[in-house]
């Protein structure tokens, strides 16, 4: 096995190969990363790019695909010598891999902490997280707005009776998910501008094990949405600054919040935003008191909004099932699998539309989320925060790869008071 590298990396000195390593390199513990397949010419060994989803480093690291199982051994429990003995991997390779990973912040340790500090300082200076996953909308506001307007023009008016105060929309990339983005946001009335918007997302790759909020706003091609300072100040007072903002750099590379914002801007402009990444009930909650739990967050937010008054729009950023070989299933996605997912999803959506968060979450907990719904936590929290009079399902979609590699489903729903 070998790491894919530039010619300059082949000239390591012998003393560098034998010098003692810092503890965090000698006992390496890998952070969450995204493995991305890199197209290769026929006959060449496949390459996998290791990407930091937190975007602390813009660089990626290429490895030969056969080295990926080796990297997954870096769990902070064994030294490199112990890994060498067990896997028979050459020590020179192990040292080179951990050194390069450390440079990019892919290992827990001082380098990661420094990259995180630098990233936070840059965001703090700007006051906003930079645009990232929303950039495919276009390089300027006019182009982005035109694209969203075109998609929304293709969505039918759901003609929902009552006051729509919240929506569930996907966080798929726009090209695959625009149908349900448009369906959800078409349910909102442009003349009912909110005083604030609460967007509940999912922490896909971050380090926070509680509810992760942000004191900063967000940038998109349509402009900058400021953080809702009034609501955040209330939550800080009730929950503590450190408890809700400790892991806020998780928002830097997280797409579930950011993908919703241009749709809100298109309808209402740059309204203040409360952004919260909500863990799922299947994950162990923060138990050390240093992070806000979902229960605490829901209670504090309800109290804050009651005290502050005004109109609040709620958005749950939620994809549903994830099935197929890409997610570990044994066989390809075919029509039969698609039909089974459709039935399961609709059963779960009926429970959501009934409005009882505990009943909605219970089957996922009992069956260990068999179809890998992405956002149970923020959907359940939405019901608890809003207590809607009714929930209307607007649309349901499945996106399938033609080769059967994966299926991702999503829905558009409206919460009415």
Protein backbone atom coordinates (compact mmCIF):
# COMPACT_ATOMS: atom_id res chain seq x y z
CA UNK A 1 0.00 0.00 0.00
CA UNK A 2 1.20 3.48 -0.75
CA UNK A 3 0.10 7.03 -0.30
CA UNK A 4 -0.52 9.06 -3.46
CA UNK A 5 1.93 11.97 -3.26
CA UNK A 6 3.85 14.53 -5.21
CA UNK A 7 7.48 13.80 -6.26
CA UNK A 8 8.75 16.13 -3.52
CA UNK A 9 7.42 13.78 -0.85
CA UNK A 10 9.60 10.90 -2.04
CA UNK A 11 12.79 12.53 -0.66
CA UNK A 12 12.43 11.89 3.06
CA UNK A 13 15.67 11.84 5.04
CA UNK A 14 16.59 8.72 7.00
CA UNK A 15 16.69 10.60 10.32
CA UNK A 16 13.19 11.87 9.74
CA UNK A 17 12.05 8.27 9.36
CA UNK A 18 13.50 7.20 12.71
CA UNK A 19 13.13 10.29 14.93
CA UNK A 20 10.63 9.99 17.81
CA UNK A 21 7.13 11.18 16.92
CA UNK A 22 4.89 13.38 19.06
CA UNK A 23 2.34 11.41 21.08
CA UNK A 24 -0.61 12.40 18.86
CA UNK A 25 1.24 11.01 15.81
CA UNK A 26 2.63 7.90 17.47
CA UNK A 27 -0.87 7.05 18.72
CA UNK A 28 -2.92 8.60 15.89
CA UNK A 29 -6.64 9.26 16.21
CA UNK A 30 -8.36 10.14 12.97
CA UNK A 31 -11.08 12.79 12.78
CA UNK A 32 -14.21 12.40 10.68
CA UNK A 33 -13.39 12.65 7.00
CA UNK A 34 -15.10 12.24 3.65
CA UNK A 35 -13.58 9.67 1.28
CA UNK A 36 -14.07 10.87 -2.29
CA UNK A 37 -13.35 8.59 -5.26
CA UNK A 38 -11.03 10.20 -7.80
CA UNK A 39 -11.47 9.24 -11.48
CA UNK A 40 -8.42 7.42 -12.79
CA UNK A 41 -7.25 6.28 -16.20
CA UNK A 42 -8.01 2.66 -17.00
CA UNK A 43 -5.40 0.32 -15.58
CA UNK A 44 -4.23 2.69 -12.86
CA UNK A 45 -4.90 1.92 -9.19
CA UNK A 46 -7.93 3.77 -7.78
CA UNK A 47 -7.27 6.86 -5.70
CA UNK A 48 -9.36 8.09 -2.78
CA UNK A 49 -9.25 11.71 -1.66
CA UNK A 50 -9.55 12.35 2.07
CA UNK A 51 -11.49 15.59 2.57
CA UNK A 52 -11.97 17.42 5.84
CA UNK A 53 -15.74 18.09 5.86
CA UNK A 54 -15.20 20.84 8.45
CA UNK A 55 -13.20 22.71 5.79
CA UNK A 56 -10.50 23.72 8.26
CA UNK A 57 -8.07 22.94 5.45
CA UNK A 58 -9.07 23.41 1.81
CA UNK A 59 -6.58 20.75 0.72
CA UNK A 60 -7.33 17.08 0.24
CA UNK A 61 -5.02 14.11 0.62
CA UNK A 62 -4.86 11.37 -1.97
CA UNK A 63 -4.24 7.75 -1.05
CA UNK A 64 -4.44 4.53 -2.97
CA UNK A 65 -7.83 2.98 -2.24
CA UNK A 66 -6.24 -0.15 -0.78
CA UNK A 67 -4.67 1.98 1.99
CA UNK A 68 -8.06 3.18 3.28
CA UNK A 69 -8.59 0.20 5.66
CA UNK A 70 -5.18 0.96 7.15
CA UNK A 71 -6.11 4.57 7.91
CA UNK A 72 -9.28 3.41 9.62
CA UNK A 73 -7.04 1.68 12.18
CA UNK A 74 -6.04 5.09 13.56
CA UNK A 75 -8.46 5.20 16.51
CA UNK A 76 -6.12 6.50 19.21
CA UNK A 77 -5.83 3.11 20.93
CA UNK A 78 -2.62 1.72 19.41
CA UNK A 79 0.86 3.03 18.71
CA UNK A 80 2.28 2.92 15.21
CA UNK A 81 4.55 0.07 16.30
CA UNK A 82 1.53 -1.94 17.43
CA UNK A 83 -0.30 -1.17 14.18
CA UNK A 84 2.81 -2.18 12.22
CA UNK A 85 2.99 -5.50 14.02
CA UNK A 86 -0.70 -6.27 13.55
CA UNK A 87 -1.13 -5.09 9.93
CA UNK A 88 2.39 -5.73 8.58
CA UNK A 89 2.30 -2.22 7.07
CA UNK A 90 5.81 -0.72 6.70
CA UNK A 91 6.67 1.78 9.43
CA UNK A 92 7.93 4.26 6.85
CA UNK A 93 4.50 4.28 5.23
CA UNK A 94 2.69 4.65 8.56
CA UNK A 95 4.87 7.60 9.58
CA UNK A 96 4.44 9.30 6.24
CA UNK A 97 0.66 8.88 6.28
CA UNK A 98 0.15 10.23 9.80
CA UNK A 99 2.50 13.14 9.16
CA UNK A 100 0.62 14.20 6.05
CA UNK A 101 -2.76 13.70 7.70
CA UNK A 102 -1.63 15.84 10.61
CA UNK A 103 -0.58 18.66 8.29
CA UNK A 104 -4.14 18.80 6.93
CA UNK A 105 -5.77 18.61 10.36
CA UNK A 106 -7.21 15.14 9.79
CA UNK A 107 -5.87 13.86 13.13
CA UNK A 108 -6.81 15.03 16.60
CA UNK A 109 -3.97 17.05 18.01
CA UNK A 110 -2.26 20.46 18.15
CA UNK A 111 -2.34 21.00 14.40
CA UNK A 112 -6.11 20.49 14.27
CA UNK A 113 -6.55 22.87 17.20
CA UNK A 114 -4.45 25.52 15.46
CA UNK A 115 -6.40 25.20 12.20
CA UNK A 116 -9.67 25.48 14.12
CA UNK A 117 -8.43 28.57 15.97
CA UNK A 118 -7.38 30.25 12.72
CA UNK A 119 -10.70 29.41 11.05
CA UNK A 120 -12.68 30.80 13.96
CA UNK A 121 -10.66 34.00 14.00
CA UNK A 122 -11.33 34.51 10.31
CA UNK A 123 -15.08 33.93 10.71
CA UNK A 124 -15.21 36.16 13.80
CA UNK A 125 -13.48 38.98 11.93
CA UNK A 126 -16.01 38.73 9.07
CA UNK A 127 -18.98 38.12 11.38
CA UNK A 128 -20.32 35.51 8.97
CA UNK A 129 -19.51 32.02 7.79
CA UNK A 130 -18.39 32.11 4.15
CA UNK A 131 -20.56 30.77 1.34
CA UNK A 132 -19.65 27.25 0.30
CA UNK A 133 -22.34 24.74 -0.68
CA UNK A 134 -24.64 27.53 -1.96
CA UNK A 135 -22.12 28.75 -4.54
CA UNK A 136 -23.50 26.49 -7.33
CA UNK A 137 -26.51 28.87 -7.45
CA UNK A 138 -24.28 31.40 -9.21
CA UNK A 139 -21.55 33.93 -8.64
CA UNK A 140 -23.90 36.86 -8.09
CA UNK A 141 -27.25 37.58 -6.48
CA UNK A 142 -29.09 38.12 -9.76
CA UNK A 143 -28.07 34.74 -11.15
CA UNK A 144 -28.87 32.93 -7.89
CA UNK A 145 -32.25 34.60 -7.51
CA UNK A 146 -33.18 33.76 -11.10
CA UNK A 147 -32.35 30.09 -10.58
CA UNK A 148 -34.47 29.87 -7.42
CA UNK A 149 -37.33 31.77 -9.06
CA UNK A 150 -37.25 29.34 -11.98
CA UNK A 151 -37.46 26.34 -9.70
CA UNK A 152 -40.26 27.83 -7.62
CA UNK A 153 -42.23 28.67 -10.75
CA UNK A 154 -42.32 24.95 -11.53
CA UNK A 155 -43.80 24.07 -8.12
CA UNK A 156 -47.55 23.99 -7.68
CA UNK A 157 -49.26 26.12 -5.06
CA UNK A 158 -50.13 23.62 -2.28
CA UNK A 159 -53.10 25.83 -1.29
CA UNK A 160 -52.77 25.12 2.42
CA UNK A 161 -55.40 26.60 4.69
CA UNK A 162 -54.17 28.33 7.81
CA UNK A 163 -50.96 30.10 8.77
CA UNK A 164 -47.89 28.17 7.62
CA UNK A 165 -45.26 28.82 10.28
CA UNK A 166 -42.74 26.15 9.37
CA UNK A 167 -41.56 23.82 6.63
CA UNK A 168 -39.55 20.65 6.25
CA UNK A 169 -37.25 20.81 3.22
CA UNK A 170 -34.37 18.58 2.04
CA UNK A 171 -30.68 19.30 2.32
CA UNK A 172 -29.72 17.41 -0.81
CA UNK A 173 -27.67 19.42 -3.27
CA UNK A 174 -29.94 21.63 -5.35
CA UNK A 175 -29.67 19.70 -8.62
CA UNK A 176 -31.02 16.54 -6.99
CA UNK A 177 -33.34 18.12 -4.45
CA UNK A 178 -34.74 21.30 -5.98
CA UNK A 179 -38.21 19.80 -6.52
CA UNK A 180 -38.82 19.48 -2.80
CA UNK A 181 -37.03 22.70 -1.87
CA UNK A 182 -39.38 24.51 -4.25
CA UNK A 183 -42.43 22.58 -3.06
CA UNK A 184 -41.73 23.45 0.58
CA UNK A 185 -40.96 27.14 0.08
CA UNK A 186 -43.90 27.56 -2.30
CA UNK A 187 -46.11 26.95 0.76
CA UNK A 188 -44.87 30.17 2.40
CA UNK A 189 -46.48 33.56 1.82
CA UNK A 190 -44.00 36.21 0.62
CA UNK A 191 -46.07 38.95 2.29
CA UNK A 192 -45.70 37.36 5.77
CA UNK A 193 -42.11 38.31 6.46
CA UNK A 194 -40.84 36.82 9.72
CA UNK A 195 -38.91 38.72 12.38
CA UNK A 196 -36.51 35.81 12.53
CA UNK A 197 -36.02 32.32 11.10
CA UNK A 198 -35.03 29.26 13.13
CA UNK A 199 -33.24 26.68 10.97
CA UNK A 200 -32.72 23.25 12.49
CA UNK A 201 -30.02 21.20 10.79
CA UNK A 202 -28.06 17.98 11.21
CA UNK A 203 -24.44 17.79 12.32
CA UNK A 204 -23.14 15.38 9.68
CA UNK A 205 -19.41 15.43 10.39
CA UNK A 206 -18.81 17.87 13.26
CA UNK A 207 -17.48 17.15 16.73
CA UNK A 208 -20.34 18.52 18.84
CA UNK A 209 -22.40 15.93 20.73
CA UNK A 210 -25.05 18.40 21.88
CA UNK A 211 -27.05 21.11 20.14
CA UNK A 212 -24.55 23.28 18.26
CA UNK A 213 -25.51 26.90 17.67
CA UNK A 214 -23.66 29.84 16.12
CA UNK A 215 -23.12 33.42 17.18
CA UNK A 216 -22.21 34.27 13.57
CA UNK A 217 -24.33 34.85 10.49
CA UNK A 218 -24.02 33.22 7.06
CA UNK A 219 -23.04 34.41 3.60
CA UNK A 220 -24.73 33.16 0.42
CA UNK A 221 -24.71 34.44 -3.18
CA UNK A 222 -27.82 36.43 -2.23
CA UNK A 223 -26.13 38.30 0.61
CA UNK A 224 -25.51 37.98 4.33
CA UNK A 225 -28.02 36.72 6.86
CA UNK A 226 -27.15 38.03 10.33
CA UNK A 227 -27.39 35.98 13.49
CA UNK A 228 -30.46 36.76 15.58
CA UNK A 229 -28.65 38.44 18.46
CA UNK A 230 -31.78 38.96 20.57
CA UNK A 231 -32.77 35.28 20.60
CA UNK A 232 -29.18 34.11 21.05
CA UNK A 233 -28.69 36.45 24.01
CA UNK A 234 -31.72 34.90 25.69
CA UNK A 235 -30.43 31.38 25.01
CA UNK A 236 -26.97 32.27 26.26
CA UNK A 237 -28.45 33.49 29.51
CA UNK A 238 -30.46 30.30 29.99
CA UNK A 239 -28.03 27.70 28.65
CA UNK A 240 -24.60 29.32 28.87
CA UNK A 241 -22.36 30.73 26.16
CA UNK A 242 -19.85 27.91 26.23
CA UNK A 243 -22.52 25.21 26.15
CA UNK A 244 -24.18 26.38 22.92
CA UNK A 245 -21.21 27.87 21.03
CA UNK A 246 -18.39 25.49 22.03
CA UNK A 247 -18.42 23.58 18.74
CA UNK A 248 -19.75 26.30 16.45
CA UNK A 249 -16.97 25.75 13.88
CA UNK A 250 -18.98 22.63 12.98
CA UNK A 251 -21.12 25.07 10.97
CA UNK A 252 -18.18 25.98 8.72
CA UNK A 253 -18.43 22.89 6.53
CA UNK A 254 -22.00 21.84 7.41
CA UNK A 255 -24.45 22.10 4.51
CA UNK A 256 -27.79 21.41 6.20
CA UNK A 257 -28.24 24.97 7.50
CA UNK A 258 -26.64 26.84 4.64
CA UNK A 259 -28.61 25.22 1.82
CA UNK A 260 -31.90 26.59 3.21
CA UNK A 261 -30.81 30.22 3.46
CA UNK A 262 -30.99 31.38 -0.20
CA UNK A 263 -34.63 30.24 -0.39
CA UNK A 264 -35.44 32.29 2.70
CA UNK A 265 -33.53 35.28 1.30
CA UNK A 266 -35.38 34.99 -1.99
CA UNK A 267 -38.71 35.28 -0.18
CA UNK A 268 -37.91 37.65 2.68
CA UNK A 269 -34.43 39.13 2.35
CA UNK A 270 -31.73 38.93 5.00
CA UNK A 271 -33.80 38.20 8.10
CA UNK A 272 -31.97 37.29 11.33
CA UNK A 273 -31.29 33.57 11.69
CA UNK A 274 -31.06 31.18 14.61
CA UNK A 275 -29.03 28.20 13.37
CA UNK A 276 -28.94 25.00 15.41
CA UNK A 277 -27.50 21.57 14.59
CA UNK A 278 -29.60 19.01 16.44
CA UNK A 279 -28.39 15.46 17.24
CA UNK A 280 -30.61 12.46 16.56
CA UNK A 281 -32.23 10.58 19.46
CA UNK A 282 -30.30 7.43 18.51
CA UNK A 283 -27.01 9.12 19.41
CA UNK A 284 -25.94 9.39 23.05
CA UNK A 285 -26.60 12.93 24.22
CA UNK A 286 -24.00 15.12 25.83
CA UNK A 287 -23.83 13.86 29.38
CA UNK A 288 -21.06 15.95 30.92
CA UNK A 289 -23.08 19.13 31.28
CA UNK A 290 -20.74 21.01 28.95
CA UNK A 291 -23.11 20.91 25.96
CA UNK A 292 -26.79 21.79 25.70
CA UNK A 293 -29.08 18.79 25.32
CA UNK A 294 -31.99 18.71 22.89
CA UNK A 295 -34.49 18.83 25.75
CA UNK A 296 -32.82 21.90 27.23
CA UNK A 297 -32.59 23.62 23.86
CA UNK A 298 -36.24 23.04 22.97
CA UNK A 299 -37.46 24.38 26.34
CA UNK A 300 -35.16 27.41 26.24
CA UNK A 301 -36.05 28.31 22.66
CA UNK A 302 -39.79 28.09 23.32
CA UNK A 303 -39.39 30.38 26.31
CA UNK A 304 -37.20 32.81 24.36
CA UNK A 305 -39.66 33.11 21.48
CA UNK A 306 -42.58 33.57 23.87
CA UNK A 307 -40.70 36.38 25.63
CA UNK A 308 -39.50 38.10 22.46
CA UNK A 309 -42.75 37.87 20.51
CA UNK A 310 -43.01 38.66 16.82
CA UNK A 311 -43.27 36.22 13.94
CA UNK A 312 -40.89 33.26 13.67
CA UNK A 313 -40.44 31.01 10.65
CA UNK A 314 -39.22 27.48 11.40
CA UNK A 315 -37.30 25.29 8.95
CA UNK A 316 -36.32 21.66 9.45
CA UNK A 317 -33.51 20.75 7.04
CA UNK A 318 -34.06 17.04 6.58
CA UNK A 319 -33.26 14.27 4.16
CA UNK A 320 -34.95 10.92 4.74
CA UNK A 321 -33.77 7.41 3.77
CA UNK A 322 -30.28 6.59 2.51
CA UNK A 323 -30.02 3.08 1.04
CA UNK A 324 -27.85 1.18 -1.43
CA UNK A 325 -24.31 -0.21 -1.66
CA UNK A 326 -22.78 3.23 -1.09
CA UNK A 327 -24.30 3.17 2.41
CA UNK A 328 -23.34 -0.43 3.15
CA UNK A 329 -26.35 -2.36 1.81
CA UNK A 330 -25.51 -5.66 0.08
CA UNK A 331 -27.43 -5.27 -3.17
CA UNK A 332 -28.16 -2.55 -5.72
CA UNK A 333 -31.19 -0.29 -5.51
CA UNK A 334 -33.90 -1.62 -7.84
CA UNK A 335 -37.64 -1.01 -8.19
CA UNK A 336 -38.44 -3.43 -5.38
CA UNK A 337 -36.07 -1.68 -2.97
CA UNK A 338 -37.46 1.69 -4.05
CA UNK A 339 -41.01 0.54 -3.34
CA UNK A 340 -40.03 -0.78 0.11
CA UNK A 341 -38.37 2.53 0.97
CA UNK A 342 -41.41 4.41 -0.29
CA UNK A 343 -43.70 2.41 2.00
CA UNK A 344 -41.42 2.80 5.03
CA UNK A 345 -40.94 6.53 4.47
CA UNK A 346 -44.63 7.20 4.13
CA UNK A 347 -45.39 5.30 7.34
CA UNK A 348 -42.86 7.48 9.16
CA UNK A 349 -44.18 10.65 7.52
CA UNK A 350 -47.73 9.81 8.60
CA UNK A 351 -46.49 9.68 12.19
CA UNK A 352 -44.77 13.03 11.73
CA UNK A 353 -47.91 14.57 10.29
CA UNK A 354 -49.84 13.34 13.33
CA UNK A 355 -47.78 15.85 15.30
CA UNK A 356 -46.56 13.74 18.24
CA UNK A 357 -42.76 13.88 18.38
CA UNK A 358 -42.32 10.86 20.67
CA UNK A 359 -44.52 8.64 18.52
CA UNK A 360 -42.65 9.82 15.44
CA UNK A 361 -39.23 9.00 16.94
CA UNK A 362 -40.17 5.70 18.57
CA UNK A 363 -40.02 3.39 15.48
CA UNK A 364 -36.60 4.74 14.54
CA UNK A 365 -35.27 3.97 18.00
CA UNK A 366 -36.85 0.50 18.08
CA UNK A 367 -35.58 -0.46 14.61
CA UNK A 368 -32.23 1.36 14.89
CA UNK A 369 -33.09 3.59 11.93
CA UNK A 370 -32.95 0.75 9.43
CA UNK A 371 -33.15 2.99 6.33
CA UNK A 372 -30.78 5.66 7.72
CA UNK A 373 -33.09 8.65 7.95
CA UNK A 374 -30.78 11.61 8.25
CA UNK A 375 -32.59 14.10 10.43
CA UNK A 376 -34.84 12.49 13.02
CA UNK A 377 -33.55 14.82 15.72
CA UNK A 378 -34.33 18.12 14.09
CA UNK A 379 -37.73 16.93 12.82
CA UNK A 380 -38.77 15.77 16.29
CA UNK A 381 -37.49 19.03 17.78
CA UNK A 382 -39.49 21.02 15.24
CA UNK A 383 -42.72 19.36 16.40
CA UNK A 384 -41.88 20.04 20.05
CA UNK A 385 -41.02 23.69 19.44
CA UNK A 386 -43.92 24.57 17.14
CA UNK A 387 -46.75 22.35 18.50
CA UNK A 388 -48.56 22.71 15.16
CA UNK A 389 -52.30 22.47 14.75
CA UNK A 390 -51.70 20.44 11.58
CA UNK A 391 -48.87 19.14 9.42
CA UNK A 392 -49.48 18.88 5.67
CA UNK A 393 -47.41 16.69 3.37
CA UNK A 394 -46.80 18.50 0.09
CA UNK A 395 -44.51 16.18 -1.87
CA UNK A 396 -42.26 13.14 -1.60
CA UNK A 397 -39.34 12.35 -3.90
CA UNK A 398 -36.69 9.68 -4.36
CA UNK A 399 -33.40 10.27 -6.12
CA UNK A 400 -31.70 7.14 -7.47
CA UNK A 401 -28.35 6.65 -9.14
CA UNK A 402 -28.90 4.97 -12.53
CA UNK A 403 -26.46 2.18 -11.63
CA UNK A 404 -28.33 1.34 -8.41
CA UNK A 405 -25.56 2.58 -6.15
CA UNK A 406 -27.76 4.65 -3.90
CA UNK A 407 -31.19 6.10 -3.19
CA UNK A 408 -31.89 9.21 -1.11
CA UNK A 409 -35.45 10.27 -0.36
CA UNK A 410 -36.82 13.61 0.80
CA UNK A 411 -40.13 15.29 1.49
CA UNK A 412 -41.69 18.74 1.58
CA UNK A 413 -44.04 19.40 4.49
CA UNK A 414 -45.75 22.43 6.00
CA UNK A 415 -46.57 23.09 9.66
CA UNK A 416 -49.76 25.08 10.24
CA UNK A 417 -51.08 26.94 13.26
